[in-house]
Amino acid sequence: MSIFGIFTNAGKNTLIIRVVLRPKLEYYPSSQYINAVLYLLTLMCELDNVKSVKFVDLQKQHEPIINDLKAAATRVIESGQYIGGNEVKSFEKEMAEYFGVPEVCSCGCATSGLTTTLKCLGVGPGDEVITTVHTAIPTAEAVTLAGGTIVFCDVESGGYNLDVDKIESLITDKTKVLMPVHLYGEPVDMDKIMALAEKYNLKVLEDCAQAQGASWKGKKLGTIGDAAVFSFFPSKNLGGFGDGGAAMAKDPEVMKNIRMYSNHGRTKKYWHEIQGTNSRLDAIQAALLRICLPHLDKWNAGRRKAAAKYKELLADIPEVEIIPREKDGAEHVYHVFVVVVKNRDGLMEYLKANGIGVGLHYPHSLNVLPAFEFMGKGEGHFPNAEHACSNMLSLPMSPVLEEDEVSYVCDTIKAFYSK
């Protein structure tokens, strides 16, 4: 007889080994057979204890509302209204009520929302926009698409957001807009941002793509500056089921222009005041987001709870640095949970090998990418951001991340550094 261990997937966390006996001409002593079976059984028990933690678990997050989501999607399909219509209008109204603002304009994605809003704030050729060098590319991409000039600012030492204290030295007579990014869900110091804007007569556009529901000194992010843009990318705090975004502005005229520009520059059917673009939120996305929006605060509370557990369990690991500490007045909503670690690449592979999903947000600061070579601000110009990008690691985070999952992640990190 020959013995084969066959590994089969039996669910989320379990592997089963089936012992298959196949006749052969050779003779095997019974003791050898018994030892082999015992070995396989031992291995099976060990594998049965293997855990896995997803980096983001959207299925689990949506499971309690899945029937409502299905009903909303069906409602749109049966309505025959797939572009605009009541679902989009209702979602915009409900989002405006959540933020306490008069109006919200949904759009096809945050990238187009940022581009459109910058244009409607008056950005064009020769106008400079100051923003962080450490962000996803759409932030900077939008400046170029709007016709403006990007001016990068380094991040604060011991943090991930732009260093507000370095902004003033970057302001020139060409500066038009300050664009803080509330990265990872952490509020930028908006008191200092608004003070600079008032001093130099600048507009402020908040990039809230990762910060839906976060607040600064009791005010929702997005309601403090002149305008704001949000993303509904599926993994965001308020995530949709495809691309999507929204913009809002304090000035009614700017708001009117954002809505007009996002819909081919028209004010009514076949009447176009300007040349615009096609950046509309699909009705089916709006319907699904209407189901999700009432859960946003609860989901953010789940993220904050998971972050607090991470901080507690990682505090005694010297190789792991948890930054930043939450500033006074800031309510962080932890779109992702990022730590600075030693031997980042080694730890990342070890976590993956132990069934733990991880990410890099982001592996490179924007200045070192080929897309921004034209700026002449390559490696070495933004040391804080470049250091962070070389050493940071994003750990699993979602509203439904359980304490035992956080414990498993932290225990695995401890095991790596104890080797």
Protein backbone atom coordinates (compact mmCIF):
# COMPACT_ATOMS: atom_id res chain seq x y z
CA MET A 1 0.00 0.00 0.00
CA SER A 2 1.17 3.59 -0.63
CA ILE A 3 -0.09 6.51 1.42
CA PHE A 4 -1.02 9.89 0.02
CA GLY A 5 -2.13 12.94 2.01
CA ILE A 6 -4.67 14.86 -0.01
CA PHE A 7 -5.30 18.46 1.11
CA THR A 8 -8.79 19.80 0.51
CA ASN A 9 -10.35 23.12 1.39
CA ALA A 10 -13.16 22.57 3.86
CA GLY A 11 -14.12 26.13 4.66
CA LYS A 12 -12.71 29.48 5.66
CA ASN A 13 -10.08 28.37 8.15
CA THR A 14 -9.85 24.60 7.79
CA LEU A 15 -7.82 22.22 5.69
CA ILE A 16 -8.63 18.53 5.78
CA ILE A 17 -6.14 15.82 4.94
CA ARG A 18 -7.64 12.66 3.54
CA VAL A 19 -5.55 9.51 3.75
CA VAL A 20 -5.72 7.51 0.56
CA LEU A 21 -4.44 3.95 0.45
CA ARG A 22 -3.39 2.57 -2.90
CA PRO A 23 -2.24 -1.01 -3.46
CA LYS A 24 1.27 -1.55 -4.71
CA LEU A 25 3.38 -4.61 -5.20
CA GLU A 26 5.90 -3.61 -2.55
CA TYR A 27 5.38 -4.67 1.04
CA TYR A 28 5.23 -1.98 3.75
CA PRO A 29 5.50 -2.96 7.43
CA SER A 30 2.43 -2.16 9.48
CA SER A 31 4.52 0.00 11.84
CA GLN A 32 5.51 2.23 8.93
CA TYR A 33 1.88 2.54 7.90
CA ILE A 34 0.76 3.44 11.42
CA ASN A 35 3.50 6.05 11.84
CA ALA A 36 2.58 7.65 8.54
CA VAL A 37 -1.08 7.88 9.48
CA LEU A 38 -0.24 9.34 12.88
CA TYR A 39 1.98 11.93 11.23
CA LEU A 40 -0.78 12.93 8.84
CA LEU A 41 -3.31 13.17 11.65
CA THR A 42 -0.95 15.38 13.65
CA LEU A 43 -0.43 17.62 10.64
CA MET A 44 -4.17 17.76 10.11
CA CYS A 45 -4.71 18.99 13.67
CA GLU A 46 -2.06 21.67 13.26
CA LEU A 47 -3.58 22.87 10.00
CA ASP A 48 -7.02 22.94 11.53
CA ASN A 49 -5.76 25.65 13.89
CA VAL A 50 -4.46 27.86 11.08
CA LYS A 51 -6.35 31.17 11.04
CA SER A 52 -6.80 33.76 8.34
CA VAL A 53 -7.58 37.44 8.64
CA LYS A 54 -8.63 39.34 5.54
CA PHE A 55 -7.15 42.76 4.93
CA VAL A 56 -10.66 44.03 4.22
CA ASP A 57 -13.75 41.87 4.69
CA LEU A 58 -16.52 43.46 2.66
CA GLN A 59 -18.60 40.30 2.51
CA LYS A 60 -18.79 40.10 6.29
CA GLN A 61 -19.45 43.82 6.59
CA HIS A 62 -22.40 43.67 4.18
CA GLU A 63 -23.86 40.39 5.38
CA PRO A 64 -26.33 41.95 7.88
CA ILE A 65 -27.76 44.25 5.18
CA ILE A 66 -27.49 41.94 2.19
CA ASN A 67 -31.25 41.59 1.73
CA ASP A 68 -31.70 45.38 1.77
CA LEU A 69 -28.90 45.73 -0.77
CA LYS A 70 -30.45 43.15 -3.06
CA ALA A 71 -33.83 44.82 -2.79
CA ALA A 72 -32.31 48.22 -3.66
CA ALA A 73 -30.52 46.82 -6.70
CA THR A 74 -33.68 45.06 -7.84
CA ARG A 75 -35.68 48.26 -7.38
CA VAL A 76 -33.37 50.11 -9.76
CA ILE A 77 -33.33 47.34 -12.33
CA GLU A 78 -37.11 47.16 -12.35
CA SER A 79 -37.46 50.94 -12.55
CA GLY A 80 -35.64 51.26 -15.86
CA GLN A 81 -34.03 54.49 -14.57
CA TYR A 82 -30.27 53.86 -14.58
CA ILE A 83 -28.83 57.37 -15.01
CA GLY A 84 -29.89 60.09 -12.58
CA GLY A 85 -33.43 59.98 -11.32
CA ASN A 86 -34.93 59.60 -7.86
CA GLU A 87 -32.24 57.30 -6.40
CA VAL A 88 -29.45 59.77 -7.13
CA LYS A 89 -31.46 62.77 -5.93
CA SER A 90 -32.48 60.96 -2.76
CA PHE A 91 -28.93 59.86 -1.97
CA GLU A 92 -27.58 63.38 -2.49
CA LYS A 93 -30.29 64.74 -0.18
CA GLU A 94 -29.59 62.12 2.51
CA MET A 95 -25.83 62.68 2.34
CA ALA A 96 -26.35 66.45 2.61
CA GLU A 97 -28.49 65.89 5.70
CA TYR A 98 -25.81 63.66 7.24
CA PHE A 99 -23.18 66.40 6.82
CA GLY A 100 -25.52 69.26 7.64
CA VAL A 101 -24.94 71.07 4.35
CA PRO A 102 -27.44 72.46 1.83
CA GLU A 103 -26.38 70.35 -1.12
CA VAL A 104 -24.19 67.49 -2.33
CA CYS A 105 -23.35 66.66 -5.95
CA SER A 106 -22.55 63.02 -6.63
CA CYS A 107 -20.04 62.16 -9.34
CA GLY A 108 -18.53 59.21 -11.17
CA CYS A 109 -15.44 58.98 -8.94
CA ALA A 110 -13.41 61.09 -6.55
CA THR A 111 -10.74 61.77 -9.18
CA SER A 112 -13.22 63.52 -11.45
CA GLY A 113 -14.78 65.15 -8.40
CA LEU A 114 -11.46 66.68 -7.39
CA THR A 115 -10.71 67.81 -10.95
CA THR A 116 -14.14 69.37 -11.36
CA THR A 117 -14.06 71.10 -7.98
CA LEU A 118 -10.59 72.55 -8.57
CA LYS A 119 -11.78 73.96 -11.90
CA CYS A 120 -14.87 75.42 -10.27
CA LEU A 121 -12.70 77.03 -7.58
CA GLY A 122 -10.95 78.85 -10.40
CA VAL A 123 -7.80 76.75 -10.83
CA GLY A 124 -6.26 76.98 -14.28
CA PRO A 125 -2.91 77.38 -16.03
CA GLY A 126 -0.35 79.08 -13.80
CA ASP A 127 -2.29 78.51 -10.58
CA GLU A 128 -0.55 76.53 -7.83
CA VAL A 129 -2.19 74.01 -5.55
CA ILE A 130 -0.34 72.92 -2.40
CA THR A 131 -0.97 69.35 -1.27
CA THR A 132 0.77 66.41 0.35
CA VAL A 133 3.39 64.33 -1.41
CA HIS A 134 2.15 61.26 0.48
CA THR A 135 -1.24 60.29 -0.91
CA ALA A 136 -2.85 58.28 -3.67
CA ILE A 137 -2.14 59.69 -7.10
CA PRO A 138 -5.66 61.07 -7.83
CA THR A 139 -5.04 63.98 -5.43
CA ALA A 140 -2.14 65.29 -7.51
CA GLU A 141 -3.47 63.99 -10.81
CA ALA A 142 -6.56 66.17 -10.40
CA VAL A 143 -4.42 69.32 -10.15
CA THR A 144 -2.78 68.60 -13.49
CA LEU A 145 -6.10 67.64 -15.10
CA ALA A 146 -7.58 70.93 -13.91
CA GLY A 147 -4.71 72.80 -15.59
CA GLY A 148 -2.96 73.81 -12.37
CA THR A 149 0.54 73.33 -11.01
CA ILE A 150 1.24 70.86 -8.22
CA VAL A 151 3.29 72.00 -5.22
CA PHE A 152 4.14 69.11 -2.91
CA CYS A 153 4.54 69.42 0.85
CA ASP A 154 6.31 66.85 3.03
CA VAL A 155 4.50 65.03 5.84
CA GLU A 156 4.96 65.84 9.50
CA SER A 157 7.69 64.06 11.41
CA GLY A 158 6.12 61.16 13.25
CA GLY A 159 2.94 61.28 11.18
CA TYR A 160 1.39 60.67 7.79
CA ASN A 161 -0.50 63.90 7.06
CA LEU A 162 1.09 66.90 5.42
CA ASP A 163 3.15 69.12 7.70
CA VAL A 164 0.93 72.16 8.07
CA ASP A 165 3.82 74.14 9.54
CA LYS A 166 5.74 73.81 6.27
CA ILE A 167 2.95 75.12 4.05
CA GLU A 168 3.55 78.83 4.54
CA SER A 169 7.06 78.65 3.10
CA LEU A 170 5.56 77.15 -0.10
CA ILE A 171 2.98 79.87 -0.68
CA THR A 172 3.69 82.24 -3.58
CA ASP A 173 1.69 84.84 -5.44
CA LYS A 174 0.59 82.01 -7.75
CA THR A 175 -0.91 79.87 -4.99
CA LYS A 176 -4.67 79.43 -5.44
CA VAL A 177 -5.75 76.45 -3.34
CA LEU A 178 -4.63 74.51 -0.28
CA MET A 179 -5.68 70.87 -0.58
CA PRO A 180 -5.22 68.95 2.68
CA VAL A 181 -5.73 65.19 2.49
CA HIS A 182 -7.21 63.58 5.59
CA LEU A 183 -5.13 60.49 4.97
CA TYR A 184 -6.18 57.13 6.43
CA GLY A 185 -9.14 58.89 8.06
CA GLU A 186 -6.98 61.15 10.26
CA PRO A 187 -7.98 64.83 10.33
CA VAL A 188 -5.43 67.43 9.31
CA ASP A 189 -5.16 70.38 11.71
CA MET A 190 -7.88 72.43 10.03
CA ASP A 191 -7.47 75.40 12.38
CA LYS A 192 -4.01 76.05 10.97
CA ILE A 193 -5.12 75.37 7.40
CA MET A 194 -7.99 77.85 7.60
CA ALA A 195 -5.78 80.46 9.27
CA LEU A 196 -3.32 80.26 6.38
CA ALA A 197 -6.14 80.43 3.84
CA GLU A 198 -7.53 83.56 5.47
CA LYS A 199 -4.11 85.19 5.76
CA TYR A 200 -3.27 84.68 2.08
CA ASN A 201 -6.80 84.74 0.61
CA LEU A 202 -6.69 81.13 -0.56
CA LYS A 203 -9.35 78.53 -1.17
CA VAL A 204 -9.35 75.23 0.77
CA LEU A 205 -10.40 71.95 -0.85
CA GLU A 206 -10.57 69.03 1.59
CA ASP A 207 -9.72 65.64 0.11
CA CYS A 208 -11.96 63.45 2.26
CA ALA A 209 -11.66 60.31 0.14
CA GLN A 210 -10.59 58.27 3.18
CA ALA A 211 -12.33 60.22 5.92
CA GLN A 212 -16.10 59.94 5.61
CA GLY A 213 -17.56 60.64 9.03
CA ALA A 214 -14.34 61.86 10.67
CA SER A 215 -14.42 65.18 12.50
CA TRP A 216 -12.22 68.02 13.70
CA LYS A 217 -13.25 69.71 16.94
CA GLY A 218 -16.83 68.57 16.52
CA LYS A 219 -17.16 69.54 12.85
CA LYS A 220 -17.46 66.89 10.18
CA LEU A 221 -14.51 66.87 7.80
CA GLY A 222 -15.62 68.28 4.48
CA THR A 223 -17.67 71.05 6.08
CA ILE A 224 -14.74 73.20 7.22
CA GLY A 225 -13.01 74.25 3.99
CA ASP A 226 -14.51 75.95 0.94
CA ALA A 227 -15.19 72.61 -0.72
CA ALA A 228 -14.68 68.88 -0.25
CA VAL A 229 -14.63 65.67 -2.25
CA PHE A 230 -15.42 62.12 -1.10
CA SER A 231 -14.76 58.70 -2.60
CA PHE A 232 -17.10 55.71 -2.61
CA PHE A 233 -14.49 53.21 -3.75
CA PRO A 234 -15.67 49.87 -2.26
CA SER A 235 -13.11 49.67 0.56
CA LYS A 236 -13.69 53.24 1.78
CA ASN A 237 -15.49 53.96 5.05
CA LEU A 238 -18.62 54.64 3.03
CA GLY A 239 -17.91 52.31 0.14
CA GLY A 240 -20.08 51.62 -2.87
CA PHE A 241 -20.08 48.66 -5.21
CA GLY A 242 -17.92 50.17 -7.93
CA ASP A 243 -16.51 53.65 -8.51
CA GLY A 244 -18.27 56.72 -7.23
CA GLY A 245 -17.77 60.00 -5.42
CA ALA A 246 -19.34 63.24 -4.28
CA ALA A 247 -18.47 66.92 -3.95
CA MET A 248 -19.80 69.78 -1.90
CA ALA A 249 -19.00 73.48 -1.64
CA LYS A 250 -20.06 76.37 0.57
CA ASP A 251 -20.49 78.86 -2.27
CA PRO A 252 -23.80 78.16 -4.08
CA GLU A 253 -22.33 79.40 -7.35
CA VAL A 254 -19.40 76.98 -7.08
CA MET A 255 -21.86 74.21 -6.25
CA LYS A 256 -23.96 75.08 -9.29
CA ASN A 257 -20.88 74.95 -11.51
CA ILE A 258 -19.73 71.60 -10.07
CA ARG A 259 -23.11 70.07 -10.87
CA MET A 260 -23.15 71.61 -14.33
CA TYR A 261 -19.58 70.66 -15.22
CA SER A 262 -20.12 67.06 -14.05
CA ASN A 263 -23.01 66.67 -16.49
CA HIS A 264 -21.50 67.89 -19.76
CA GLY A 265 -21.85 71.53 -18.74
CA ARG A 266 -25.60 71.53 -19.12
CA THR A 267 -28.31 73.22 -17.08
CA LYS A 268 -31.13 71.42 -18.87
CA LYS A 269 -31.37 68.76 -21.53
CA TYR A 270 -29.49 69.70 -24.70
CA TRP A 271 -28.58 73.14 -23.32
CA HIS A 272 -24.89 73.39 -22.44
CA GLU A 273 -23.51 76.53 -20.81
CA ILE A 274 -19.92 75.22 -20.91
CA GLN A 275 -17.96 72.22 -22.08
CA GLY A 276 -17.90 69.83 -19.16
CA THR A 277 -17.41 66.13 -18.64
CA ASN A 278 -19.40 62.98 -17.91
CA SER A 279 -19.00 62.28 -14.20
CA ARG A 280 -22.30 60.99 -12.88
CA LEU A 281 -23.05 58.48 -10.14
CA ASP A 282 -25.05 55.54 -11.48
CA ALA A 283 -28.53 55.13 -10.06
CA ILE A 284 -27.76 51.61 -8.86
CA GLN A 285 -24.74 52.88 -6.92
CA ALA A 286 -26.84 55.62 -5.36
CA ALA A 287 -29.50 53.11 -4.30
CA LEU A 288 -26.90 50.85 -2.68
CA LEU A 289 -25.18 53.78 -0.95
CA ARG A 290 -28.54 54.83 0.49
CA ILE A 291 -28.61 51.49 2.30
CA CYS A 292 -25.03 51.91 3.57
CA LEU A 293 -25.10 55.56 4.67
CA PRO A 294 -27.19 55.01 7.84
CA HIS A 295 -24.57 52.49 9.00
CA LEU A 296 -21.55 54.79 8.53
CA ASP A 297 -21.25 55.97 12.14
CA LYS A 298 -21.61 52.42 13.47
CA TRP A 299 -19.01 51.18 10.98
CA ASN A 300 -16.61 53.95 11.96
CA ALA A 301 -17.09 53.05 15.63
CA GLY A 302 -16.12 49.48 14.74
CA ARG A 303 -12.95 50.73 13.09
CA ARG A 304 -12.06 52.87 16.10
CA LYS A 305 -12.63 49.92 18.42
CA ALA A 306 -10.32 47.71 16.36
CA ALA A 307 -7.68 50.48 16.26
CA ALA A 308 -7.81 50.84 20.04
CA LYS A 309 -7.20 47.10 20.43
CA TYR A 310 -4.25 47.25 18.03
CA LYS A 311 -2.73 50.11 20.02
CA GLU A 312 -3.14 48.19 23.27
CA LEU A 313 -1.60 44.95 22.01
CA LEU A 314 1.22 46.45 19.95
CA ALA A 315 2.35 48.95 22.58
CA ASP A 316 4.99 46.64 24.08
CA ILE A 317 6.63 45.64 20.79
CA PRO A 318 9.64 47.97 20.37
CA GLU A 319 9.99 47.15 16.66
CA VAL A 320 6.52 48.55 15.97
CA GLU A 321 5.82 52.27 16.09
CA ILE A 322 2.21 53.41 16.19
CA ILE A 323 1.96 56.89 14.70
CA PRO A 324 0.44 59.32 14.88
CA ARG A 325 -1.14 59.74 18.26
CA GLU A 326 -4.59 61.23 17.79
CA LYS A 327 -4.46 65.00 18.08
CA ASP A 328 -6.71 66.84 20.51
CA GLY A 329 -10.02 67.50 18.81
CA ALA A 330 -9.48 64.91 16.07
CA GLU A 331 -11.79 61.96 15.60
CA HIS A 332 -9.88 59.50 13.42
CA VAL A 333 -11.96 56.94 11.49
CA TYR A 334 -9.14 54.55 10.49
CA HIS A 335 -9.77 53.86 6.83
CA VAL A 336 -6.59 51.82 7.22
CA PHE A 337 -4.42 51.09 10.26
CA VAL A 338 -0.79 51.85 9.47
CA VAL A 339 2.29 51.18 11.58
CA VAL A 340 5.99 51.85 11.05
CA VAL A 341 8.02 48.69 11.56
CA LYS A 342 11.53 47.30 11.37
CA ASN A 343 12.24 44.77 8.62
CA ARG A 344 8.98 45.68 6.93
CA ASP A 345 9.33 43.32 3.97
CA GLY A 346 10.22 40.36 6.18
CA LEU A 347 7.28 40.98 8.49
CA MET A 348 4.94 41.43 5.55
CA GLU A 349 5.85 38.05 4.09
CA TYR A 350 5.62 36.38 7.51
CA LEU A 351 2.12 37.76 8.07
CA LYS A 352 1.00 36.64 4.62
CA ALA A 353 2.41 33.16 5.26
CA ASN A 354 0.28 33.03 8.40
CA GLY A 355 -2.92 33.92 6.59
CA ILE A 356 -2.97 37.63 7.38
CA GLY A 357 -3.74 40.17 4.67
CA VAL A 358 -1.58 43.30 4.62
CA GLY A 359 -1.12 46.32 2.38
CA LEU A 360 1.18 49.25 1.62
CA HIS A 361 -0.32 52.73 1.67
CA TYR A 362 1.82 53.74 -0.07
CA PRO A 363 5.04 52.08 -1.25
CA HIS A 364 6.31 55.32 -2.83
CA SER A 365 5.85 59.01 -2.20
CA LEU A 366 4.54 60.68 -5.35
CA ASN A 367 7.72 62.66 -6.04
CA VAL A 368 9.73 59.52 -6.90
CA LEU A 369 7.22 58.20 -9.45
CA PRO A 370 7.93 58.57 -13.19
CA ALA A 371 4.64 60.45 -13.56
CA PHE A 372 6.13 63.38 -11.60
CA GLU A 373 9.70 63.39 -12.91
CA PHE A 374 8.90 66.67 -14.69
CA MET A 375 8.79 68.41 -11.29
CA GLY A 376 12.46 67.71 -10.63
CA LYS A 377 11.76 66.79 -7.01
CA GLY A 378 12.99 63.21 -6.93
CA GLU A 379 14.36 61.08 -4.13
CA GLY A 380 15.65 63.05 -1.14
CA HIS A 381 13.39 66.08 -1.45
CA PHE A 382 10.73 64.86 0.99
CA PRO A 383 12.60 62.80 3.59
CA ASN A 384 9.74 62.27 6.05
CA ALA A 385 7.39 60.89 3.41
CA GLU A 386 10.11 58.79 1.81
CA HIS A 387 11.08 57.28 5.17
CA ALA A 388 7.47 56.49 5.97
CA CYS A 389 6.90 54.81 2.60
CA SER A 390 9.94 52.60 3.11
CA ASN A 391 8.92 51.38 6.55
CA MET A 392 5.13 51.50 6.89
CA LEU A 393 2.74 48.57 6.79
CA SER A 394 -1.05 48.52 6.72
CA LEU A 395 -2.64 45.89 8.97
CA PRO A 396 -6.12 44.38 8.52
CA MET A 397 -8.89 46.89 9.21
CA SER A 398 -12.64 46.86 8.77
CA PRO A 399 -15.74 47.72 10.79
CA VAL A 400 -16.26 44.03 11.54
CA LEU A 401 -12.70 43.14 12.54
CA GLU A 402 -13.06 41.08 15.71
CA GLU A 403 -10.90 41.25 18.83
CA ASP A 404 -9.61 37.71 18.41
CA GLU A 405 -8.55 38.57 14.85
CA VAL A 406 -6.65 41.65 16.08
CA SER A 407 -5.08 39.47 18.78
CA TYR A 408 -4.00 36.90 16.21
CA VAL A 409 -2.40 39.61 14.04
CA CYS A 410 -0.55 41.08 17.03
CA ASP A 411 0.53 37.67 18.33
CA THR A 412 1.91 36.85 14.90
CA ILE A 413 3.85 40.11 14.82
CA LYS A 414 5.30 39.32 18.24
CA ALA A 415 6.26 35.85 17.05
CA PHE A 416 8.12 37.33 14.07
CA TYR A 417 10.23 39.65 16.17
CA SER A 418 10.86 36.92 18.75
CA LYS A 419 12.50 34.62 16.22
